[in-house]
Amino acid sequence: MPVPVAVRDICRLDPWVSSQAGKNSDKRREARRGHMYVSMPIPQDVGLVAVDDVVATGGTMSELFRVCGKNWVAGACIARSRR
């Protein structure tokens, strides 16, 4: 059965937040915490898939899960850091 899909850019990062480059794990998470917001209403009956280019510490994904609430289905990334 086909599943309808729509691509939307629904989350934003505060424009004054600095780059993650060169920061350790704790600083990366701290830099994202409380600095993302939803830019449009999300219907409660919709599942979401977040796509991020790189997941190093999970700080960005964690913040996305927080701001999008109970709508989440999955998170995906293009690459991750080696550990």
C-alpha atoms as a PDB file:
ATOM      1  CA  MET A   1       0.000   0.000   0.000  1.00  0.00           C
ATOM      2  CA  PRO A   2       1.502   3.389  -0.978  1.00  0.00           C
ATOM      3  CA  VAL A   3       2.360   5.824   1.789  1.00  0.00           C
ATOM      4  CA  PRO A   4       1.939   9.522   1.005  1.00  0.00           C
ATOM      5  CA  VAL A   5       5.132  11.500   1.572  1.00  0.00           C
ATOM      6  CA  ALA A   6       5.779  15.236   1.743  1.00  0.00           C
ATOM      7  CA  VAL A   7       9.171  16.866   2.221  1.00  0.00           C
ATOM      8  CA  ARG A   8       9.139  19.857   4.555  1.00  0.00           C
ATOM      9  CA  ASP A   9      11.858  21.889   6.252  1.00  0.00           C
ATOM     10  CA  ILE A  10      10.111  22.179   9.611  1.00  0.00           C
ATOM     11  CA  CYS A  11      12.934  22.797  12.086  1.00  0.00           C
ATOM     12  CA  ARG A  12      15.205  25.786  12.392  1.00  0.00           C
ATOM     13  CA  LEU A  13      18.337  26.553  14.354  1.00  0.00           C
ATOM     14  CA  ASP A  14      18.679  29.969  15.983  1.00  0.00           C
ATOM     15  CA  PRO A  15      20.805  32.022  13.551  1.00  0.00           C
ATOM     16  CA  TRP A  16      23.363  33.109  16.171  1.00  0.00           C
ATOM     17  CA  VAL A  17      24.359  29.553  17.164  1.00  0.00           C
ATOM     18  CA  SER A  18      27.997  28.872  16.317  1.00  0.00           C
ATOM     19  CA  SER A  19      29.431  26.042  14.247  1.00  0.00           C
ATOM     20  CA  GLN A  20      29.963  22.610  15.813  1.00  0.00           C
ATOM     21  CA  ALA A  21      33.453  22.291  14.286  1.00  0.00           C
ATOM     22  CA  GLY A  22      36.212  21.768  16.828  1.00  0.00           C
ATOM     23  CA  LYS A  23      33.889  21.281  19.802  1.00  0.00           C
ATOM     24  CA  ASN A  24      34.017  18.244  22.056  1.00  0.00           C
ATOM     25  CA  SER A  25      30.974  16.029  22.643  1.00  0.00           C
ATOM     26  CA  ASP A  26      29.632  17.961  25.642  1.00  0.00           C
ATOM     27  CA  LYS A  27      30.030  21.340  23.926  1.00  0.00           C
ATOM     28  CA  ARG A  28      28.282  20.045  20.767  1.00  0.00           C
ATOM     29  CA  ARG A  29      25.243  18.885  22.736  1.00  0.00           C
ATOM     30  CA  GLU A  30      25.179  22.100  24.763  1.00  0.00           C
ATOM     31  CA  ALA A  31      25.354  24.216  21.592  1.00  0.00           C
ATOM     32  CA  ARG A  32      22.159  22.645  20.220  1.00  0.00           C
ATOM     33  CA  ARG A  33      20.144  22.324  23.428  1.00  0.00           C
ATOM     34  CA  GLY A  34      17.342  24.876  23.460  1.00  0.00           C
ATOM     35  CA  HIS A  35      18.376  26.496  20.165  1.00  0.00           C
ATOM     36  CA  MET A  36      16.100  24.677  17.683  1.00  0.00           C
ATOM     37  CA  TYR A  37      12.462  25.394  17.021  1.00  0.00           C
ATOM     38  CA  VAL A  38       9.622  24.153  14.823  1.00  0.00           C
ATOM     39  CA  SER A  39       8.895  26.628  12.024  1.00  0.00           C
ATOM     40  CA  MET A  40       5.384  25.400  11.158  1.00  0.00           C
ATOM     41  CA  PRO A  41       2.597  23.447  12.872  1.00  0.00           C
ATOM     42  CA  ILE A  42       2.924  19.655  12.744  1.00  0.00           C
ATOM     43  CA  PRO A  43      -0.362  17.698  12.687  1.00  0.00           C
ATOM     44  CA  GLN A  44      -0.541  15.168  15.526  1.00  0.00           C
ATOM     45  CA  ASP A  45      -1.358  12.267  13.194  1.00  0.00           C
ATOM     46  CA  VAL A  46       1.792  12.660  11.073  1.00  0.00           C
ATOM     47  CA  GLY A  47       4.975  10.596  11.385  1.00  0.00           C
ATOM     48  CA  LEU A  48       8.316  12.267  10.694  1.00  0.00           C
ATOM     49  CA  VAL A  49      11.709  11.207   9.426  1.00  0.00           C
ATOM     50  CA  ALA A  50      14.594  13.544  10.248  1.00  0.00           C
ATOM     51  CA  VAL A  51      17.588  13.613   7.932  1.00  0.00           C
ATOM     52  CA  ASP A  52      20.883  15.112   9.072  1.00  0.00           C
ATOM     53  CA  ASP A  53      24.083  15.242   7.053  1.00  0.00           C
ATOM     54  CA  VAL A  54      26.380  13.968   9.827  1.00  0.00           C
ATOM     55  CA  VAL A  55      25.703  12.569  13.291  1.00  0.00           C
ATOM     56  CA  ALA A  56      28.712  12.884  15.590  1.00  0.00           C
ATOM     57  CA  THR A  57      27.333  13.093  19.126  1.00  0.00           C
ATOM     58  CA  GLY A  58      23.595  12.973  18.442  1.00  0.00           C
ATOM     59  CA  GLY A  59      23.078  16.485  19.824  1.00  0.00           C
ATOM     60  CA  THR A  60      21.225  17.766  16.774  1.00  0.00           C
ATOM     61  CA  MET A  61      18.994  14.672  16.533  1.00  0.00           C
ATOM     62  CA  SER A  62      18.240  14.811  20.269  1.00  0.00           C
ATOM     63  CA  GLU A  63      17.177  18.423  19.962  1.00  0.00           C
ATOM     64  CA  LEU A  64      15.039  17.607  16.900  1.00  0.00           C
ATOM     65  CA  PHE A  65      13.277  14.849  18.845  1.00  0.00           C
ATOM     66  CA  ARG A  66      12.650  17.301  21.697  1.00  0.00           C
ATOM     67  CA  VAL A  67      11.145  20.088  19.573  1.00  0.00           C
ATOM     68  CA  CYS A  68       9.016  17.798  17.386  1.00  0.00           C
ATOM     69  CA  GLY A  69       7.484  15.963  20.320  1.00  0.00           C
ATOM     70  CA  LYS A  70       5.385  12.849  19.784  1.00  0.00           C
ATOM     71  CA  ASN A  71       5.361  13.039  15.986  1.00  0.00           C
ATOM     72  CA  TRP A  72       8.639  11.158  15.515  1.00  0.00           C
ATOM     73  CA  VAL A  73       9.008   7.987  13.525  1.00  0.00           C
ATOM     74  CA  ALA A  74      12.741   7.808  12.723  1.00  0.00           C
ATOM     75  CA  GLY A  75      16.000   9.692  12.371  1.00  0.00           C
ATOM     76  CA  ALA A  76      18.471   9.153   9.535  1.00  0.00           C
ATOM     77  CA  CYS A  77      21.853  10.553   8.607  1.00  0.00           C
ATOM     78  CA  ILE A  78      24.144  10.597   5.610  1.00  0.00           C
ATOM     79  CA  ALA A  79      27.288   9.857   7.636  1.00  0.00           C
ATOM     80  CA  ARG A  80      28.475   9.482  11.212  1.00  0.00           C
ATOM     81  CA  SER A  81      31.778  10.092  12.953  1.00  0.00           C
ATOM     82  CA  ARG A  82      34.165   7.229  13.674  1.00  0.00           C
ATOM     83  CA  ARG A  83      34.554   6.190  17.279  1.00  0.00           C
END
